[in-house]
């Protein structure tokens, strides 16, 4: 577990992430993080849950319509 400290950044408040956490999440300066609610509290993740839902729907369509997509690719 890592303790994170809130710090003043201009008129806002920010969180400083340790280098080890950035490396584990494969994040760099300027990357986007997403804060989502979970059953046990809040969750910070580099993965966009809305995009993931869209990709799952797209994978289902691609699987169901594989033959049509092959024909269109010709």
PDB file of N, CA and C in Angstrom:
ATOM      1  N   UNK A   1       0.843  -1.163   0.000  1.00  0.00           N
ATOM      2  CA  UNK A   1       0.000   0.000   0.000  1.00  0.00           C
ATOM      3  C   UNK A   1       0.895   1.236   0.000  1.00  0.00           C
ATOM      4  N   UNK A   2       0.448   2.257  -0.725  1.00  0.00           N
ATOM      5  CA  UNK A   2       1.164   3.526  -0.787  1.00  0.00           C
ATOM      6  C   UNK A   2       0.287   4.619  -0.199  1.00  0.00           C
ATOM      7  N   UNK A   3       0.858   5.438   0.658  1.00  0.00           N
ATOM      8  CA  UNK A   3       0.150   6.608   1.182  1.00  0.00           C
ATOM      9  C   UNK A   3       0.390   7.758   0.209  1.00  0.00           C
ATOM     10  N   UNK A   4      -0.686   8.405  -0.229  1.00  0.00           N
ATOM     11  CA  UNK A   4      -0.582   9.512  -1.160  1.00  0.00           C
ATOM     12  C   UNK A   4      -0.871  10.814  -0.436  1.00  0.00           C
ATOM     13  N   UNK A   5      -0.113  11.854  -0.775  1.00  0.00           N
ATOM     14  CA  UNK A   5      -0.274  13.139  -0.111  1.00  0.00           C
ATOM     15  C   UNK A   5      -0.936  14.116  -1.072  1.00  0.00           C
ATOM     16  N   UNK A   6      -1.930  14.837  -0.572  1.00  0.00           N
ATOM     17  CA  UNK A   6      -2.574  15.890  -1.350  1.00  0.00           C
ATOM     18  C   UNK A   6      -1.729  17.155  -1.228  1.00  0.00           C
ATOM     19  N   UNK A   7      -1.576  17.862  -2.349  1.00  0.00           N
ATOM     20  CA  UNK A   7      -0.768  19.068  -2.352  1.00  0.00           C
ATOM     21  C   UNK A   7      -1.465  20.173  -3.146  1.00  0.00           C
ATOM     22  N   UNK A   8      -1.214  21.409  -2.780  1.00  0.00           N
ATOM     23  CA  UNK A   8      -1.800  22.556  -3.465  1.00  0.00           C
ATOM     24  C   UNK A   8      -1.087  22.761  -4.793  1.00  0.00           C
ATOM     25  N   UNK A   9      -1.879  22.862  -5.883  1.00  0.00           N
ATOM     26  CA  UNK A   9      -1.348  23.137  -7.218  1.00  0.00           C
ATOM     27  C   UNK A   9      -2.183  24.279  -7.781  1.00  0.00           C
ATOM     28  N   UNK A  10      -1.689  25.502  -7.650  1.00  0.00           N
ATOM     29  CA  UNK A  10      -2.471  26.666  -8.061  1.00  0.00           C
ATOM     30  C   UNK A  10      -3.713  26.774  -7.197  1.00  0.00           C
ATOM     31  N   UNK A  11      -4.879  26.863  -7.832  1.00  0.00           N
ATOM     32  CA  UNK A  11      -6.144  26.920  -7.097  1.00  0.00           C
ATOM     33  C   UNK A  11      -6.756  25.532  -6.896  1.00  0.00           C
ATOM     34  N   UNK A  12      -6.041  24.501  -7.283  1.00  0.00           N
ATOM     35  CA  UNK A  12      -6.544  23.131  -7.193  1.00  0.00           C
ATOM     36  C   UNK A  12      -5.739  22.337  -6.178  1.00  0.00           C
ATOM     37  N   UNK A  13      -6.162  21.110  -5.976  1.00  0.00           N
ATOM     38  CA  UNK A  13      -5.437  20.178  -5.110  1.00  0.00           C
ATOM     39  C   UNK A  13      -5.088  18.966  -5.957  1.00  0.00           C
ATOM     40  N   UNK A  14      -3.855  18.489  -5.858  1.00  0.00           N
ATOM     41  CA  UNK A  14      -3.409  17.348  -6.640  1.00  0.00           C
ATOM     42  C   UNK A  14      -2.831  16.255  -5.764  1.00  0.00           C
ATOM     43  N   UNK A  15      -2.641  15.100  -6.366  1.00  0.00           N
ATOM     44  CA  UNK A  15      -2.055  13.945  -5.694  1.00  0.00           C
ATOM     45  C   UNK A  15      -0.715  13.654  -6.352  1.00  0.00           C
ATOM     46  N   UNK A  16       0.290  13.448  -5.564  1.00  0.00           N
ATOM     47  CA  UNK A  16       1.611  13.084  -6.062  1.00  0.00           C
ATOM     48  C   UNK A  16       1.729  11.564  -6.022  1.00  0.00           C
ATOM     49  N   UNK A  17       1.996  10.965  -7.193  1.00  0.00           N
ATOM     50  CA  UNK A  17       2.157   9.508  -7.267  1.00  0.00           C
ATOM     51  C   UNK A  17       3.646   9.163  -7.256  1.00  0.00           C
ATOM     52  N   UNK A  18       4.059   8.219  -6.415  1.00  0.00           N
ATOM     53  CA  UNK A  18       5.465   7.803  -6.384  1.00  0.00           C
ATOM     54  C   UNK A  18       5.882   7.167  -7.709  1.00  0.00           C
ATOM     55  N   UNK A  19       7.189   7.223  -7.986  1.00  0.00           N
ATOM     56  CA  UNK A  19       7.722   6.658  -9.227  1.00  0.00           C
ATOM     57  C   UNK A  19       7.368   5.186  -9.383  1.00  0.00           C
ATOM     58  N   UNK A  20       7.368   4.445  -8.276  1.00  0.00           N
ATOM     59  CA  UNK A  20       7.074   3.014  -8.342  1.00  0.00           C
ATOM     60  C   UNK A  20       5.644   2.779  -8.832  1.00  0.00           C
ATOM     61  N   UNK A  21       4.721   3.609  -8.378  1.00  0.00           N
ATOM     62  CA  UNK A  21       3.320   3.480  -8.788  1.00  0.00           C
ATOM     63  C   UNK A  21       3.178   3.828 -10.260  1.00  0.00           C
ATOM     64  N   UNK A  22       3.835   4.904 -10.694  1.00  0.00           N
ATOM     65  CA  UNK A  22       3.791   5.288 -12.110  1.00  0.00           C
ATOM     66  C   UNK A  22       4.347   4.177 -12.992  1.00  0.00           C
ATOM     67  N   UNK A  23       5.441   3.569 -12.568  1.00  0.00           N
ATOM     68  CA  UNK A  23       6.040   2.485 -13.348  1.00  0.00           C
ATOM     69  C   UNK A  23       5.109   1.279 -13.405  1.00  0.00           C
ATOM     70  N   UNK A  24       4.494   0.941 -12.298  1.00  0.00           N
ATOM     71  CA  UNK A  24       3.599  -0.222 -12.249  1.00  0.00           C
ATOM     72  C   UNK A  24       2.377  -0.011 -13.140  1.00  0.00           C
ATOM     73  N   UNK A  25       1.855   1.223 -13.173  1.00  0.00           N
ATOM     74  CA  UNK A  25       0.691   1.540 -14.005  1.00  0.00           C
ATOM     75  C   UNK A  25       1.070   1.892 -15.444  1.00  0.00           C
ATOM     76  N   UNK A  26       2.384   1.940 -15.713  1.00  0.00           N
ATOM     77  CA  UNK A  26       2.907   2.314 -17.040  1.00  0.00           C
ATOM     78  C   UNK A  26       2.385   3.685 -17.452  1.00  0.00           C
ATOM     79  N   UNK A  27       2.541   4.656 -16.548  1.00  0.00           N
ATOM     80  CA  UNK A  27       2.079   6.015 -16.781  1.00  0.00           C
ATOM     81  C   UNK A  27       3.250   6.975 -16.871  1.00  0.00           C
ATOM     82  N   UNK A  28       3.031   8.056 -17.609  1.00  0.00           N
ATOM     83  CA  UNK A  28       4.002   9.126 -17.722  1.00  0.00           C
ATOM     84  C   UNK A  28       3.285  10.449 -17.542  1.00  0.00           C
ATOM     85  N   UNK A  29       4.055  11.498 -17.406  1.00  0.00           N
ATOM     86  CA  UNK A  29       3.493  12.839 -17.262  1.00  0.00           C
ATOM     87  C   UNK A  29       2.570  13.136 -18.447  1.00  0.00           C
ATOM     88  N   UNK A  30       1.375  13.629 -18.147  1.00  0.00           N
ATOM     89  CA  UNK A  30       0.409  13.971 -19.186  1.00  0.00           C
ATOM     90  C   UNK A  30      -0.614  12.884 -19.484  1.00  0.00           C
ATOM     91  N   UNK A  31      -0.399  11.664 -18.984  1.00  0.00           N
ATOM     92  CA  UNK A  31      -1.365  10.583 -19.193  1.00  0.00           C
ATOM     93  C   UNK A  31      -2.635  10.855 -18.387  1.00  0.00           C
ATOM     94  N   UNK A  32      -3.717  10.215 -18.779  1.00  0.00           N
ATOM     95  CA  UNK A  32      -5.007  10.398 -18.114  1.00  0.00           C
ATOM     96  C   UNK A  32      -5.308   9.209 -17.209  1.00  0.00           C
ATOM     97  N   UNK A  33      -5.807   9.507 -16.023  1.00  0.00           N
ATOM     98  CA  UNK A  33      -6.290   8.493 -15.093  1.00  0.00           C
ATOM     99  C   UNK A  33      -7.792   8.662 -14.936  1.00  0.00           C
ATOM    100  N   UNK A  34      -8.478   7.582 -14.592  1.00  0.00           N
ATOM    101  CA  UNK A  34      -9.926   7.608 -14.417  1.00  0.00           C
ATOM    102  C   UNK A  34     -10.257   7.219 -12.986  1.00  0.00           C
ATOM    103  N   UNK A  35     -11.127   7.997 -12.369  1.00  0.00           N
ATOM    104  CA  UNK A  35     -11.589   7.731 -11.016  1.00  0.00           C
ATOM    105  C   UNK A  35     -13.003   7.181 -11.129  1.00  0.00           C
ATOM    106  N   UNK A  36     -13.200   5.949 -10.685  1.00  0.00           N
ATOM    107  CA  UNK A  36     -14.503   5.308 -10.784  1.00  0.00           C
ATOM    108  C   UNK A  36     -14.924   4.805  -9.406  1.00  0.00           C
ATOM    109  N   UNK A  37     -16.233   4.680  -9.245  1.00  0.00           N
ATOM    110  CA  UNK A  37     -16.754   4.119  -8.000  1.00  0.00           C
ATOM    111  C   UNK A  37     -16.742   2.603  -8.097  1.00  0.00           C
ATOM    112  N   UNK A  38     -16.415   1.965  -6.993  1.00  0.00           N
ATOM    113  CA  UNK A  38     -16.453   0.509  -6.921  1.00  0.00           C
ATOM    114  C   UNK A  38     -17.185   0.133  -5.640  1.00  0.00           C
ATOM    115  N   UNK A  39     -17.563  -1.122  -5.487  1.00  0.00           N
ATOM    116  CA  UNK A  39     -18.302  -1.526  -4.286  1.00  0.00           C
ATOM    117  C   UNK A  39     -17.556  -1.227  -2.982  1.00  0.00           C
ATOM    118  N   UNK A  40     -16.217  -1.215  -3.028  1.00  0.00           N
ATOM    119  CA  UNK A  40     -15.448  -0.981  -1.804  1.00  0.00           C
ATOM    120  C   UNK A  40     -14.877   0.435  -1.713  1.00  0.00           C
ATOM    121  N   UNK A  41     -15.358   1.370  -2.532  1.00  0.00           N
ATOM    122  CA  UNK A  41     -14.893   2.757  -2.455  1.00  0.00           C
ATOM    123  C   UNK A  41     -14.622   3.334  -3.836  1.00  0.00           C
ATOM    124  N   UNK A  42     -13.549   4.102  -3.958  1.00  0.00           N
ATOM    125  CA  UNK A  42     -13.166   4.707  -5.232  1.00  0.00           C
ATOM    126  C   UNK A  42     -11.953   3.973  -5.793  1.00  0.00           C
ATOM    127  N   UNK A  43     -11.830   3.998  -7.109  1.00  0.00           N
ATOM    128  CA  UNK A  43     -10.745   3.283  -7.781  1.00  0.00           C
ATOM    129  C   UNK A  43     -10.102   4.219  -8.793  1.00  0.00           C
ATOM    130  N   UNK A  44      -8.778   4.281  -8.806  1.00  0.00           N
ATOM    131  CA  UNK A  44      -8.033   5.056  -9.796  1.00  0.00           C
ATOM    132  C   UNK A  44      -7.407   4.066 -10.765  1.00  0.00           C
ATOM    133  N   UNK A  45      -7.655   4.259 -12.058  1.00  0.00           N
ATOM    134  CA  UNK A  45      -7.157   3.335 -13.060  1.00  0.00           C
ATOM    135  C   UNK A  45      -6.787   4.083 -14.336  1.00  0.00           C
ATOM    136  N   UNK A  46      -5.803   3.583 -15.086  1.00  0.00           N
ATOM    137  CA  UNK A  46      -5.466   4.204 -16.364  1.00  0.00           C
ATOM    138  C   UNK A  46      -6.398   3.755 -17.492  1.00  0.00           C
ATOM    139  N   UNK A  47      -7.295   2.822 -17.215  1.00  0.00           N
ATOM    140  CA  UNK A  47      -8.186   2.278 -18.234  1.00  0.00           C
ATOM    141  C   UNK A  47      -9.536   2.976 -18.196  1.00  0.00           C
ATOM    142  N   UNK A  48     -10.007   3.410 -19.364  1.00  0.00           N
ATOM    143  CA  UNK A  48     -11.294   4.095 -19.480  1.00  0.00           C
ATOM    144  C   UNK A  48     -12.402   3.049 -19.486  1.00  0.00           C
ATOM    145  N   UNK A  49     -13.232   2.982 -18.441  1.00  0.00           N
ATOM    146  CA  UNK A  49     -14.269   1.945 -18.375  1.00  0.00           C
ATOM    147  C   UNK A  49     -15.319   2.083 -19.479  1.00  0.00           C
ATOM    148  N   UNK A  50     -15.614   3.293 -19.927  1.00  0.00           N
ATOM    149  CA  UNK A  50     -16.582   3.495 -21.008  1.00  0.00           C
ATOM    150  C   UNK A  50     -16.029   2.916 -22.312  1.00  0.00           C
ATOM    151  N   UNK A  51     -14.753   3.194 -22.599  1.00  0.00           N
ATOM    152  CA  UNK A  51     -14.119   2.657 -23.801  1.00  0.00           C
ATOM    153  C   UNK A  51     -14.075   1.134 -23.742  1.00  0.00           C
ATOM    154  N   UNK A  52     -13.790   0.576 -22.588  1.00  0.00           N
ATOM    155  CA  UNK A  52     -13.753  -0.883 -22.444  1.00  0.00           C
ATOM    156  C   UNK A  52     -15.114  -1.492 -22.750  1.00  0.00           C
ATOM    157  N   UNK A  53     -16.195  -0.870 -22.282  1.00  0.00           N
ATOM    158  CA  UNK A  53     -17.548  -1.351 -22.587  1.00  0.00           C
ATOM    159  C   UNK A  53     -17.808  -1.309 -24.092  1.00  0.00           C
ATOM    160  N   UNK A  54     -17.372  -0.235 -24.742  1.00  0.00           N
ATOM    161  CA  UNK A  54     -17.556  -0.105 -26.186  1.00  0.00           C
ATOM    162  C   UNK A  54     -16.771  -1.180 -26.933  1.00  0.00           C
ATOM    163  N   UNK A  55     -15.551  -1.467 -26.477  1.00  0.00           N
ATOM    164  CA  UNK A  55     -14.733  -2.489 -27.129  1.00  0.00           C
ATOM    165  C   UNK A  55     -15.341  -3.878 -26.954  1.00  0.00           C
ATOM    166  N   UNK A  56     -15.921  -4.164 -25.806  1.00  0.00           N
ATOM    167  CA  UNK A  56     -16.571  -5.460 -25.605  1.00  0.00           C
ATOM    168  C   UNK A  56     -17.756  -5.614 -26.547  1.00  0.00           C
ATOM    169  N   UNK A  57     -18.523  -4.540 -26.741  1.00  0.00           N
ATOM    170  CA  UNK A  57     -19.646  -4.580 -27.679  1.00  0.00           C
ATOM    171  C   UNK A  57     -19.138  -4.790 -29.095  1.00  0.00           C
ATOM    172  N   UNK A  58     -18.057  -4.100 -29.467  1.00  0.00           N
ATOM    173  CA  UNK A  58     -17.486  -4.241 -30.810  1.00  0.00           C
ATOM    174  C   UNK A  58     -16.971  -5.664 -31.042  1.00  0.00           C
ATOM    175  N   UNK A  59     -16.320  -6.249 -30.038  1.00  0.00           N
ATOM    176  CA  UNK A  59     -15.827  -7.626 -30.174  1.00  0.00           C
ATOM    177  C   UNK A  59     -16.983  -8.602 -30.396  1.00  0.00           C
ATOM    178  N   UNK A  60     -18.090  -8.385 -29.694  1.00  0.00           N
ATOM    179  CA  UNK A  60     -19.265  -9.239 -29.876  1.00  0.00           C
ATOM    180  C   UNK A  60     -19.830  -9.131 -31.279  1.00  0.00           C
ATOM    181  N   UNK A  61     -19.903  -7.919 -31.803  1.00  0.00           N
ATOM    182  CA  UNK A  61     -20.397  -7.709 -33.170  1.00  0.00           C
ATOM    183  C   UNK A  61     -19.454  -8.344 -34.171  1.00  0.00           C
ATOM    184  N   UNK A  62     -18.143  -8.148 -33.975  1.00  0.00           N
ATOM    185  CA  UNK A  62     -17.166  -8.720 -34.911  1.00  0.00           C
ATOM    186  C   UNK A  62     -17.226 -10.247 -34.911  1.00  0.00           C
ATOM    187  N   UNK A  63     -17.461 -10.826 -33.752  1.00  0.00           N
ATOM    188  CA  UNK A  63     -17.549 -12.285 -33.672  1.00  0.00           C
ATOM    189  C   UNK A  63     -18.822 -12.785 -34.351  1.00  0.00           C
ATOM    190  N   UNK A  64     -19.926 -12.096 -34.112  1.00  0.00           N
ATOM    191  CA  UNK A  64     -21.208 -12.520 -34.682  1.00  0.00           C
ATOM    192  C   UNK A  64     -21.269 -12.283 -36.194  1.00  0.00           C
ATOM    193  N   UNK A  65     -20.588 -11.281 -36.677  1.00  0.00           N
ATOM    194  CA  UNK A  65     -20.650 -10.905 -38.102  1.00  0.00           C
ATOM    195  C   UNK A  65     -19.325 -11.121 -38.818  1.00  0.00           C
ATOM    196  N   UNK A  66     -18.590 -12.137 -38.398  1.00  0.00           N
ATOM    197  CA  UNK A  66     -17.268 -12.415 -38.956  1.00  0.00           C
ATOM    198  C   UNK A  66     -17.298 -12.582 -40.479  1.00  0.00           C
ATOM    199  N   UNK A  67     -18.257 -13.329 -40.998  1.00  0.00           N
ATOM    200  CA  UNK A  67     -18.336 -13.577 -42.440  1.00  0.00           C
ATOM    201  C   UNK A  67     -18.611 -12.287 -43.210  1.00  0.00           C
ATOM    202  N   UNK A  68     -19.482 -11.460 -42.697  1.00  0.00           N
ATOM    203  CA  UNK A  68     -19.785 -10.181 -43.360  1.00  0.00           C
ATOM    204  C   UNK A  68     -18.544  -9.298 -43.385  1.00  0.00           C
ATOM    205  N   UNK A  69     -17.824  -9.236 -42.297  1.00  0.00           N
ATOM    206  CA  UNK A  69     -16.628  -8.415 -42.243  1.00  0.00           C
ATOM    207  C   UNK A  69     -15.541  -8.916 -43.186  1.00  0.00           C
ATOM    208  N   UNK A  70     -15.431 -10.260 -43.335  1.00  0.00           N
ATOM    209  CA  UNK A  70     -14.476 -10.817 -44.301  1.00  0.00           C
ATOM    210  C   UNK A  70     -14.816 -10.397 -45.725  1.00  0.00           C
ATOM    211  N   UNK A  71     -16.097 -10.445 -46.048  1.00  0.00           N
ATOM    212  CA  UNK A  71     -16.532 -10.042 -47.391  1.00  0.00           C
ATOM    213  C   UNK A  71     -16.260  -8.563 -47.634  1.00  0.00           C
ATOM    214  N   UNK A  72     -16.510  -7.740 -46.655  1.00  0.00           N
ATOM    215  CA  UNK A  72     -16.254  -6.300 -46.791  1.00  0.00           C
ATOM    216  C   UNK A  72     -14.778  -5.980 -46.919  1.00  0.00           C
ATOM    217  N   UNK A  73     -13.929  -6.831 -46.343  1.00  0.00           N
ATOM    218  CA  UNK A  73     -12.493  -6.584 -46.388  1.00  0.00           C
ATOM    219  C   UNK A  73     -11.868  -6.904 -47.748  1.00  0.00           C
ATOM    220  N   UNK A  74     -12.610  -7.592 -48.625  1.00  0.00           N
ATOM    221  CA  UNK A  74     -12.065  -7.962 -49.946  1.00  0.00           C
ATOM    222  C   UNK A  74     -11.976  -6.790 -50.862  1.00  0.00           C
TER     223      UNK A  74
END
